[in-house]
Amino acid sequence: MLEYSLGEDRSFVFAVTPTSLQAFELPKRAEVERAARRVYDLLTARNHSVKGETEEQARKRWTQAEEAYPKAAEELSRMILGPVAAQLSGGPAMNVAEAKSGGVSGRVQGRRLLVVADGALQYIPFAVLPVPEKNPTASGGPQQVPLMVSQEIVNLPSASVLAVLRQEAKGRKPAPKAVAVLADPVFDQQDSRLAANAKPAAAYAQMASAATTRGTEPQDSTAAHLLTRSAADLGLSRDGKLSLPRLLFSRQEAEAIRAVTPSGQIKEAVDFEASRTTALSAELRNYRIVHFATHGLINSEHPELSGLVFSLVDEKGQPQDGFLQLQDIYNMDLPADLVVLSACETGLGKEINGEGLIGLTRGFMYAGASRVVASLWNVSDAATASLMAEFYRAMEKDHMPPAAALRAAQIHMWRQKRWTSPYYWAAFQIQGEWK
């Protein structure tokens, strides 16, 4: 386990094994966080928009970011992993050709790294960082072997959380069924899935506004107001109305999961059934894995405005409460082996000293989930669908534990030319129990 503690004058990393505890000094917080933010900005360059930028200019900026990334990643790795490189070593070094040849899994089977990050390091997927001593010739070059090739990486918001998770799971009977998937919700009345004779539904924001004008509140007006406010804070509204695009690839995710899941072991809630009501139903307790493929709204300044968005209209086009707020998640009773948040930035939240990021991940752990897979940035829909297909294939067909399955899926993506950039596969990380 590597636990980081960033300080104003100096920082530390504590390397813990079953038989040892060592402390290593690192640079001060400002230096570490500057290097971490540089890496994060380069990893997520595709998600940033520049006013007035043409498509050609955007592609040029993305290319420049990808070219600058290896050097920045190596510098951060040298800073935060260099002091513990000896503890991470295990087996002969590999070059990129060897690592991409497919002969990796057997060599590194059983090696695991548990990371408890701090500050801006909580935004960095350690899976992408190279180990400095294992890449002495890379030196900023594009060919680097990421840490995930030699390590199975698991994250925790704090070391004490693991003890709590294990205590809650002690004596718990396994759920009888495999997977529940909620995907491809309906967000507005213009969606083609609505019946032709459905009555037009007022926009969610307009419903809340009308309630204020009348002096009365419909049942879900508070939720509508919170959803509208959260979307506005995150730039997901236009002229006071929500602007949430349909997630077509999330349906592909659901289909891929169904394809590898035994018959009768999956609940596939799509379209209007992908609702807040379904998400809160006691039925989900019957499934070992609960998979949410939808929009996530993460508000670091106001965590209470964070949540997941499900169908906002019903089959008749009438507005309904589809915002699963953070407080709803904390109040859930969901003793799942694994919750997968296949949405954007679901692994982020508000930083609390000594407790890490307080957001959706921690909420689902509090609700009873032993493990949570969540993302660190806005992910490509197509890449996510491909990653999730491999992730579930590894779990259901190869019977891998979730942490090992995620690593296998990420290595599979990295080996493909189309998805080799870490932007496409590194956003998702697993937090919680690794067994």
Protein backbone atom coordinates (compact mmCIF):
# COMPACT_ATOMS: atom_id res chain seq x y z
CA MET A 1 0.00 0.00 0.00
CA LEU A 2 1.16 3.50 -0.85
CA GLU A 3 -0.42 6.23 1.26
CA TYR A 4 0.35 9.83 0.36
CA SER A 5 0.31 12.85 2.64
CA LEU A 6 0.96 16.23 1.00
CA GLY A 7 2.25 19.08 3.15
CA GLU A 8 3.07 22.75 2.71
CA ASP A 9 6.81 22.31 3.25
CA ARG A 10 7.29 18.64 2.43
CA SER A 11 5.22 15.60 1.67
CA PHE A 12 5.50 11.90 2.42
CA VAL A 13 4.59 8.54 0.96
CA PHE A 14 4.22 5.60 3.33
CA ALA A 15 4.97 2.19 1.80
CA VAL A 16 3.24 -0.58 3.74
CA THR A 17 3.57 -4.34 3.26
CA PRO A 18 2.39 -7.18 5.51
CA THR A 19 5.80 -7.08 7.23
CA SER A 20 7.13 -3.53 6.88
CA LEU A 21 6.37 0.18 7.05
CA GLN A 22 8.65 2.74 5.39
CA ALA A 23 8.29 6.49 4.97
CA PHE A 24 9.83 8.48 2.11
CA GLU A 25 10.00 12.25 1.77
CA LEU A 26 8.52 13.92 -1.31
CA PRO A 27 8.49 17.54 -2.54
CA LYS A 28 6.05 20.01 -1.04
CA ARG A 29 2.37 19.97 -1.93
CA ALA A 30 2.59 22.81 -4.45
CA GLU A 31 5.20 21.00 -6.56
CA VAL A 32 3.43 17.65 -6.48
CA GLU A 33 0.04 19.14 -7.30
CA ARG A 34 1.47 21.27 -10.10
CA ALA A 35 2.92 18.16 -11.75
CA ALA A 36 -0.32 16.21 -11.15
CA ARG A 37 -2.53 18.91 -12.64
CA ARG A 38 -0.25 19.09 -15.68
CA VAL A 39 -0.71 15.36 -16.29
CA TYR A 40 -4.48 15.54 -15.72
CA ASP A 41 -4.85 18.50 -18.10
CA LEU A 42 -2.92 16.68 -20.83
CA LEU A 43 -4.89 13.46 -20.32
CA THR A 44 -8.19 15.32 -20.63
CA ALA A 45 -7.28 17.82 -23.37
CA ARG A 46 -10.01 16.37 -25.61
CA ASN A 47 -12.63 17.44 -23.08
CA HIS A 48 -11.62 21.09 -23.05
CA SER A 49 -13.16 23.52 -25.51
CA VAL A 50 -11.59 26.76 -26.68
CA LYS A 51 -13.92 29.52 -27.83
CA GLY A 52 -13.68 30.13 -31.57
CA GLU A 53 -11.49 27.08 -32.14
CA THR A 54 -11.98 25.21 -35.41
CA GLU A 55 -12.08 21.42 -35.60
CA GLU A 56 -8.64 21.40 -37.23
CA GLN A 57 -7.22 23.60 -34.47
CA ALA A 58 -8.76 21.35 -31.83
CA ARG A 59 -7.18 18.25 -33.34
CA LYS A 60 -3.82 20.00 -33.47
CA ARG A 61 -4.16 20.90 -29.77
CA TRP A 62 -5.05 17.30 -28.92
CA THR A 63 -2.00 16.05 -30.82
CA GLN A 64 0.26 18.49 -28.98
CA ALA A 65 -1.17 17.32 -25.66
CA GLU A 66 -0.53 13.68 -26.52
CA GLU A 67 3.03 14.50 -27.51
CA ALA A 68 3.63 16.40 -24.25
CA TYR A 69 1.99 13.81 -22.03
CA PRO A 70 4.77 11.14 -21.81
CA LYS A 71 7.34 13.58 -20.46
CA ALA A 72 4.89 15.05 -17.95
CA ALA A 73 3.85 11.55 -16.83
CA GLU A 74 7.47 10.51 -16.38
CA GLU A 75 8.23 13.61 -14.31
CA LEU A 76 5.26 12.97 -12.01
CA SER A 77 6.16 9.29 -11.76
CA ARG A 78 9.73 10.09 -10.82
CA MET A 79 8.46 12.51 -8.18
CA ILE A 80 5.88 10.29 -6.45
CA LEU A 81 6.92 6.73 -7.38
CA GLY A 82 10.68 7.14 -7.70
CA PRO A 83 11.36 6.86 -3.94
CA VAL A 84 9.39 3.58 -3.74
CA ALA A 85 10.53 2.07 -7.05
CA ALA A 86 12.42 -0.72 -5.27
CA GLN A 87 9.22 -1.74 -3.47
CA LEU A 88 7.32 -1.82 -6.77
CA SER A 89 9.86 -3.89 -8.68
CA GLY A 90 9.00 -7.47 -9.41
CA GLY A 91 10.42 -9.41 -12.32
CA PRO A 92 12.39 -8.27 -15.36
CA ALA A 93 11.70 -4.95 -17.03
CA MET A 94 9.62 -4.93 -20.22
CA ASN A 95 9.75 -2.72 -23.24
CA VAL A 96 6.60 -1.64 -25.05
CA ALA A 97 6.88 -4.34 -27.72
CA GLU A 98 7.03 -7.09 -25.09
CA ALA A 99 4.21 -5.58 -23.06
CA LYS A 100 1.94 -5.27 -26.10
CA SER A 101 2.73 -8.73 -27.39
CA GLY A 102 0.22 -10.32 -25.04
CA GLY A 103 2.57 -12.20 -22.75
CA VAL A 104 2.00 -10.09 -19.68
CA SER A 105 -0.68 -11.63 -17.49
CA GLY A 106 1.17 -14.72 -16.33
CA ARG A 107 4.33 -12.83 -15.45
CA VAL A 108 2.66 -10.37 -13.11
CA GLN A 109 -0.11 -12.51 -11.67
CA GLY A 110 -0.61 -11.76 -7.99
CA ARG A 111 1.12 -8.35 -7.86
CA ARG A 112 -1.15 -5.70 -6.39
CA LEU A 113 -0.79 -2.05 -5.44
CA LEU A 114 -3.23 -0.30 -3.11
CA VAL A 115 -3.14 3.51 -3.44
CA VAL A 116 -4.45 6.01 -0.89
CA ALA A 117 -3.87 9.32 -2.63
CA ASP A 118 -4.05 12.89 -1.34
CA GLY A 119 -4.79 16.29 -2.86
CA ALA A 120 -4.53 16.51 -6.64
CA LEU A 121 -3.10 12.98 -6.77
CA GLN A 122 -6.68 11.76 -6.27
CA TYR A 123 -7.36 12.89 -9.83
CA ILE A 124 -4.53 10.82 -11.30
CA PRO A 125 -5.02 7.20 -12.40
CA PHE A 126 -1.79 5.60 -11.18
CA ALA A 127 -2.32 2.92 -13.82
CA VAL A 128 -0.96 5.26 -16.51
CA LEU A 129 2.26 6.25 -14.76
CA PRO A 130 5.52 4.57 -15.76
CA VAL A 131 7.94 3.28 -13.14
CA PRO A 132 11.05 5.47 -13.70
CA GLU A 133 13.67 2.76 -13.24
CA LYS A 134 11.86 0.46 -15.62
CA ASN A 135 11.86 3.04 -18.41
CA PRO A 136 15.34 4.60 -18.29
CA THR A 137 15.39 5.20 -22.03
CA ALA A 138 11.86 6.55 -22.39
CA SER A 139 12.76 10.00 -21.07
CA GLY A 140 9.75 11.76 -22.40
CA GLY A 141 9.41 9.58 -25.48
CA PRO A 142 6.03 8.28 -26.58
CA GLN A 143 6.79 4.62 -25.82
CA GLN A 144 6.19 3.95 -22.14
CA VAL A 145 5.00 0.86 -20.31
CA PRO A 146 2.25 1.98 -17.91
CA LEU A 147 2.25 0.80 -14.30
CA MET A 148 -0.90 -1.29 -14.83
CA VAL A 149 1.12 -3.76 -16.92
CA SER A 150 3.08 -4.83 -13.84
CA GLN A 151 0.61 -3.99 -11.07
CA GLU A 152 -3.05 -4.59 -10.29
CA ILE A 153 -4.04 -1.20 -8.90
CA VAL A 154 -6.81 -0.61 -6.35
CA ASN A 155 -7.73 2.70 -4.73
CA LEU A 156 -9.16 3.71 -1.37
CA PRO A 157 -10.25 7.13 -0.08
CA SER A 158 -8.56 6.27 3.24
CA ALA A 159 -6.97 3.16 4.68
CA SER A 160 -9.59 2.85 7.43
CA VAL A 161 -12.38 2.50 4.86
CA LEU A 162 -11.21 -1.02 3.98
CA ALA A 163 -11.80 -2.25 7.53
CA VAL A 164 -15.32 -0.82 7.49
CA LEU A 165 -16.11 -2.41 4.12
CA ARG A 166 -14.92 -5.81 5.31
CA GLN A 167 -16.88 -5.56 8.53
CA GLU A 168 -20.07 -4.71 6.64
CA ALA A 169 -19.57 -7.61 4.22
CA LYS A 170 -18.80 -10.12 6.97
CA GLY A 171 -21.42 -12.84 7.01
CA ARG A 172 -23.32 -11.30 4.09
CA LYS A 173 -25.07 -13.85 1.89
CA PRO A 174 -24.23 -13.52 -1.83
CA ALA A 175 -27.02 -12.08 -3.93
CA PRO A 176 -28.78 -14.76 -6.00
CA LYS A 177 -28.40 -13.05 -9.39
CA ALA A 178 -25.49 -11.60 -11.33
CA VAL A 179 -26.05 -8.14 -12.85
CA ALA A 180 -28.61 -5.33 -12.92
CA VAL A 181 -28.01 -2.74 -15.66
CA LEU A 182 -29.68 0.65 -15.92
CA ALA A 183 -28.81 2.28 -19.24
CA ASP A 184 -29.94 4.62 -22.03
CA PRO A 185 -32.51 6.72 -20.07
CA VAL A 186 -34.93 9.13 -21.74
CA PHE A 187 -34.03 12.73 -20.90
CA ASP A 188 -36.55 14.90 -22.79
CA GLN A 189 -39.86 14.92 -24.64
CA GLN A 190 -38.15 15.22 -28.02
CA ASP A 191 -36.73 11.71 -27.70
CA SER A 192 -37.83 9.45 -30.56
CA ARG A 193 -38.79 6.71 -28.09
CA LEU A 194 -41.84 8.68 -26.97
CA ALA A 195 -45.16 7.68 -28.49
CA ALA A 196 -46.34 9.87 -31.34
CA ASN A 197 -49.45 10.92 -29.42
CA ALA A 198 -47.63 11.77 -26.18
CA LYS A 199 -48.42 15.20 -24.82
CA PRO A 200 -45.46 17.60 -24.87
CA ALA A 201 -43.85 17.81 -21.46
CA ALA A 202 -42.62 21.03 -19.94
CA ALA A 203 -38.89 21.29 -19.47
CA TYR A 204 -37.73 20.32 -16.02
CA ALA A 205 -36.55 23.82 -15.19
CA GLN A 206 -39.86 25.32 -16.35
CA MET A 207 -41.76 22.98 -14.07
CA ALA A 208 -39.84 24.23 -11.05
CA SER A 209 -40.35 27.84 -12.13
CA ALA A 210 -44.10 27.35 -12.59
CA ALA A 211 -44.36 25.88 -9.11
CA THR A 212 -42.81 29.00 -7.62
CA THR A 213 -45.19 31.24 -9.59
CA ARG A 214 -48.26 29.38 -8.40
CA GLY A 215 -47.03 29.30 -4.80
CA THR A 216 -47.40 25.51 -4.72
CA GLU A 217 -44.89 22.80 -5.39
CA PRO A 218 -45.41 19.65 -7.42
CA GLN A 219 -44.04 16.53 -5.77
CA ASP A 220 -40.68 16.63 -7.57
CA SER A 221 -40.14 20.38 -7.98
CA THR A 222 -37.35 20.44 -5.38
CA ALA A 223 -35.49 17.74 -7.26
CA ALA A 224 -36.10 19.62 -10.52
CA HIS A 225 -34.64 22.78 -9.03
CA LEU A 226 -31.56 20.95 -7.73
CA LEU A 227 -31.02 19.19 -11.04
CA THR A 228 -31.35 22.44 -12.99
CA ARG A 229 -28.99 24.24 -10.61
CA SER A 230 -26.43 21.43 -10.76
CA ALA A 231 -26.58 21.31 -14.56
CA ALA A 232 -26.18 25.09 -14.76
CA ASP A 233 -23.13 25.00 -12.48
CA LEU A 234 -21.56 22.39 -14.75
CA GLY A 235 -22.45 24.10 -18.03
CA LEU A 236 -25.04 21.48 -19.01
CA SER A 237 -27.98 23.83 -19.48
CA ARG A 238 -28.98 26.28 -22.18
CA ASP A 239 -31.33 29.18 -21.53
CA GLY A 240 -32.35 27.62 -18.24
CA LYS A 241 -33.15 24.24 -19.81
CA LEU A 242 -31.29 20.97 -19.41
CA SER A 243 -29.08 19.87 -22.27
CA LEU A 244 -28.38 16.19 -21.76
CA PRO A 245 -27.69 14.21 -24.93
CA ARG A 246 -28.90 10.65 -25.30
CA LEU A 247 -26.23 8.05 -24.47
CA LEU A 248 -26.63 5.61 -27.35
CA PHE A 249 -23.46 3.71 -26.53
CA SER A 250 -24.76 2.99 -23.04
CA ARG A 251 -27.28 0.69 -24.69
CA GLN A 252 -24.39 -1.06 -26.40
CA GLU A 253 -22.86 -1.50 -22.95
CA ALA A 254 -26.04 -3.14 -21.70
CA GLU A 255 -26.14 -5.47 -24.71
CA ALA A 256 -22.47 -6.44 -24.25
CA ILE A 257 -23.06 -7.21 -20.57
CA ARG A 258 -26.12 -9.30 -21.43
CA ALA A 259 -24.10 -11.25 -24.00
CA VAL A 260 -21.65 -12.55 -21.37
CA THR A 261 -24.12 -13.00 -18.51
CA PRO A 262 -25.87 -16.35 -17.98
CA SER A 263 -29.52 -16.45 -18.96
CA GLY A 264 -31.87 -15.40 -16.17
CA GLN A 265 -29.06 -13.74 -14.22
CA ILE A 266 -29.44 -10.19 -15.56
CA LYS A 267 -31.96 -7.36 -15.19
CA GLU A 268 -31.72 -4.98 -18.14
CA ALA A 269 -33.55 -1.73 -17.38
CA VAL A 270 -33.32 0.55 -20.41
CA ASP A 271 -35.35 3.39 -21.88
CA PHE A 272 -38.10 4.53 -19.48
CA GLU A 273 -37.33 1.69 -17.07
CA ALA A 274 -33.92 3.25 -16.48
CA SER A 275 -35.54 5.46 -13.88
CA ARG A 276 -34.90 6.80 -10.41
CA THR A 277 -37.65 4.49 -9.16
CA THR A 278 -35.80 1.46 -10.51
CA ALA A 279 -32.50 2.69 -9.07
CA LEU A 280 -34.08 2.97 -5.60
CA SER A 281 -36.04 -0.28 -5.77
CA ALA A 282 -35.35 -3.08 -3.30
CA GLU A 283 -35.09 -5.44 -6.27
CA LEU A 284 -31.50 -4.33 -6.90
CA ARG A 285 -30.49 -6.06 -3.67
CA ASN A 286 -30.90 -9.33 -5.57
CA TYR A 287 -27.90 -8.61 -7.81
CA ARG A 288 -24.20 -8.93 -7.06
CA ILE A 289 -23.29 -6.21 -9.57
CA VAL A 290 -25.27 -3.04 -10.21
CA HIS A 291 -24.28 -1.10 -13.33
CA PHE A 292 -25.41 2.50 -13.93
CA ALA A 293 -24.75 3.79 -17.46
CA THR A 294 -26.03 7.36 -17.59
CA HIS A 295 -25.04 10.98 -17.04
CA GLY A 296 -23.30 11.80 -13.78
CA LEU A 297 -23.32 15.34 -12.38
CA ILE A 298 -20.39 15.91 -10.04
CA ASN A 299 -20.26 19.24 -8.22
CA SER A 300 -17.04 19.52 -6.19
CA GLU A 301 -18.02 22.84 -4.64
CA HIS A 302 -21.53 21.75 -3.68
CA PRO A 303 -21.49 17.94 -3.28
CA GLU A 304 -25.19 17.93 -2.39
CA LEU A 305 -25.87 18.84 -6.03
CA SER A 306 -24.05 15.74 -7.30
CA GLY A 307 -25.93 12.72 -8.53
CA LEU A 308 -26.93 10.44 -11.41
CA VAL A 309 -29.57 11.38 -13.97
CA PHE A 310 -32.13 8.80 -15.08
CA SER A 311 -35.25 9.12 -17.24
CA LEU A 312 -36.74 12.59 -16.76
CA VAL A 313 -39.99 11.82 -18.61
CA ASP A 314 -42.31 8.82 -18.57
CA GLU A 315 -43.80 6.86 -21.49
CA LYS A 316 -46.46 9.59 -21.96
CA GLY A 317 -43.91 12.39 -22.10
CA GLN A 318 -44.81 13.71 -18.66
CA PRO A 319 -41.95 15.04 -16.49
CA GLN A 320 -40.82 12.93 -13.57
CA ASP A 321 -38.10 13.06 -10.96
CA GLY A 322 -35.08 11.35 -12.50
CA PHE A 323 -32.32 12.89 -10.39
CA LEU A 324 -30.73 10.42 -7.96
CA GLN A 325 -29.11 12.89 -5.60
CA LEU A 326 -26.08 12.21 -3.43
CA GLN A 327 -28.29 12.20 -0.31
CA ASP A 328 -30.48 9.55 -1.97
CA ILE A 329 -27.41 7.39 -2.54
CA TYR A 330 -26.26 7.72 1.08
CA ASN A 331 -29.72 6.61 2.17
CA MET A 332 -29.81 3.56 -0.10
CA ASP A 333 -29.52 0.00 1.15
CA LEU A 334 -27.47 -1.61 -1.60
CA PRO A 335 -25.20 -4.42 -0.32
CA ALA A 336 -23.74 -5.12 -3.76
CA ASP A 337 -20.40 -6.78 -4.41
CA LEU A 338 -19.75 -4.16 -7.07
CA VAL A 339 -21.33 -0.92 -8.28
CA VAL A 340 -20.17 0.34 -11.68
CA LEU A 341 -20.71 4.03 -12.42
CA SER A 342 -20.31 4.17 -16.18
CA ALA A 343 -20.71 7.92 -16.37
CA CYS A 344 -18.48 10.97 -16.55
CA GLU A 345 -16.30 12.05 -13.60
CA THR A 346 -18.16 9.81 -11.15
CA GLY A 347 -14.94 9.22 -9.21
CA LEU A 348 -14.57 12.89 -8.28
CA GLY A 349 -16.00 14.91 -5.40
CA LYS A 350 -15.18 17.39 -2.66
CA GLU A 351 -11.86 16.85 -0.91
CA ILE A 352 -12.03 16.42 2.87
CA ASN A 353 -8.74 16.28 4.78
CA GLY A 354 -8.04 12.74 5.94
CA GLU A 355 -11.07 11.33 4.15
CA GLY A 356 -10.35 11.85 0.46
CA LEU A 357 -13.00 12.81 -2.09
CA ILE A 358 -16.57 12.81 -0.80
CA GLY A 359 -18.82 12.04 -3.74
CA LEU A 360 -20.72 9.26 -5.48
CA THR A 361 -18.07 6.61 -4.83
CA ARG A 362 -18.13 7.16 -1.08
CA GLY A 363 -21.93 7.36 -1.19
CA PHE A 364 -22.29 3.90 -2.72
CA MET A 365 -19.77 2.47 -0.26
CA TYR A 366 -21.84 3.94 2.57
CA ALA A 367 -24.91 2.34 0.99
CA GLY A 368 -23.24 -1.07 1.27
CA ALA A 369 -21.22 -1.63 -1.92
CA SER A 370 -17.92 -3.42 -1.32
CA ARG A 371 -16.36 -2.03 -4.50
CA VAL A 372 -17.08 0.84 -6.85
CA VAL A 373 -15.76 1.43 -10.35
CA ALA A 374 -15.93 5.10 -11.30
CA SER A 375 -14.34 7.56 -13.72
CA LEU A 376 -12.01 10.53 -13.32
CA TRP A 377 -12.98 12.49 -16.44
CA ASN A 378 -15.53 12.78 -19.25
CA VAL A 379 -15.04 9.57 -21.16
CA SER A 380 -15.59 8.63 -24.79
CA ASP A 381 -18.92 6.79 -25.12
CA ALA A 382 -17.57 4.36 -27.73
CA ALA A 383 -14.38 3.64 -25.79
CA THR A 384 -16.33 3.12 -22.57
CA ALA A 385 -18.64 0.62 -24.27
CA SER A 386 -15.61 -1.32 -25.52
CA LEU A 387 -13.88 -1.20 -22.12
CA MET A 388 -16.99 -2.34 -20.27
CA ALA A 389 -17.53 -5.22 -22.69
CA GLU A 390 -14.01 -6.50 -21.95
CA PHE A 391 -14.40 -5.86 -18.22
CA TYR A 392 -17.54 -7.96 -17.94
CA ARG A 393 -16.18 -10.66 -20.23
CA ALA A 394 -13.18 -11.02 -17.91
CA MET A 395 -15.44 -11.24 -14.86
CA GLU A 396 -18.17 -13.50 -16.26
CA LYS A 397 -16.26 -15.67 -18.74
CA ASP A 398 -12.77 -15.75 -17.19
CA HIS A 399 -14.05 -15.55 -13.60
CA MET A 400 -11.60 -12.80 -12.63
CA PRO A 401 -12.14 -10.66 -9.52
CA PRO A 402 -13.25 -7.12 -10.46
CA ALA A 403 -9.84 -5.49 -9.87
CA ALA A 404 -8.05 -8.04 -12.03
CA ALA A 405 -10.78 -7.85 -14.67
CA LEU A 406 -10.53 -4.06 -14.93
CA ARG A 407 -6.75 -4.29 -15.36
CA ALA A 408 -7.16 -6.95 -18.07
CA ALA A 409 -9.70 -4.79 -19.90
CA GLN A 410 -7.44 -1.73 -19.74
CA ILE A 411 -4.44 -3.67 -21.03
CA HIS A 412 -6.63 -5.00 -23.85
CA MET A 413 -7.59 -1.43 -24.80
CA TRP A 414 -4.00 -0.15 -24.54
CA ARG A 415 -2.82 -2.83 -26.98
CA GLN A 416 -5.24 -1.64 -29.66
CA LYS A 417 -4.06 1.15 -31.90
CA ARG A 418 -7.46 2.83 -31.88
CA TRP A 419 -7.69 3.00 -28.10
CA THR A 420 -4.02 3.06 -27.07
CA SER A 421 -4.16 6.62 -25.70
CA PRO A 422 -4.78 6.58 -21.91
CA TYR A 423 -7.58 9.08 -22.43
CA TYR A 424 -9.75 6.21 -23.67
CA TRP A 425 -9.09 3.57 -20.99
CA ALA A 426 -7.48 5.11 -17.88
CA ALA A 427 -10.38 7.18 -16.52
CA PHE A 428 -12.00 4.22 -14.77
CA GLN A 429 -10.52 2.96 -11.53
CA ILE A 430 -11.70 0.63 -8.81
CA GLN A 431 -12.06 1.61 -5.18
CA GLY A 432 -12.65 -0.67 -2.23
CA GLU A 433 -12.19 -4.39 -1.63
CA TRP A 434 -9.90 -6.22 -4.06
CA LYS A 435 -10.62 -9.82 -3.04
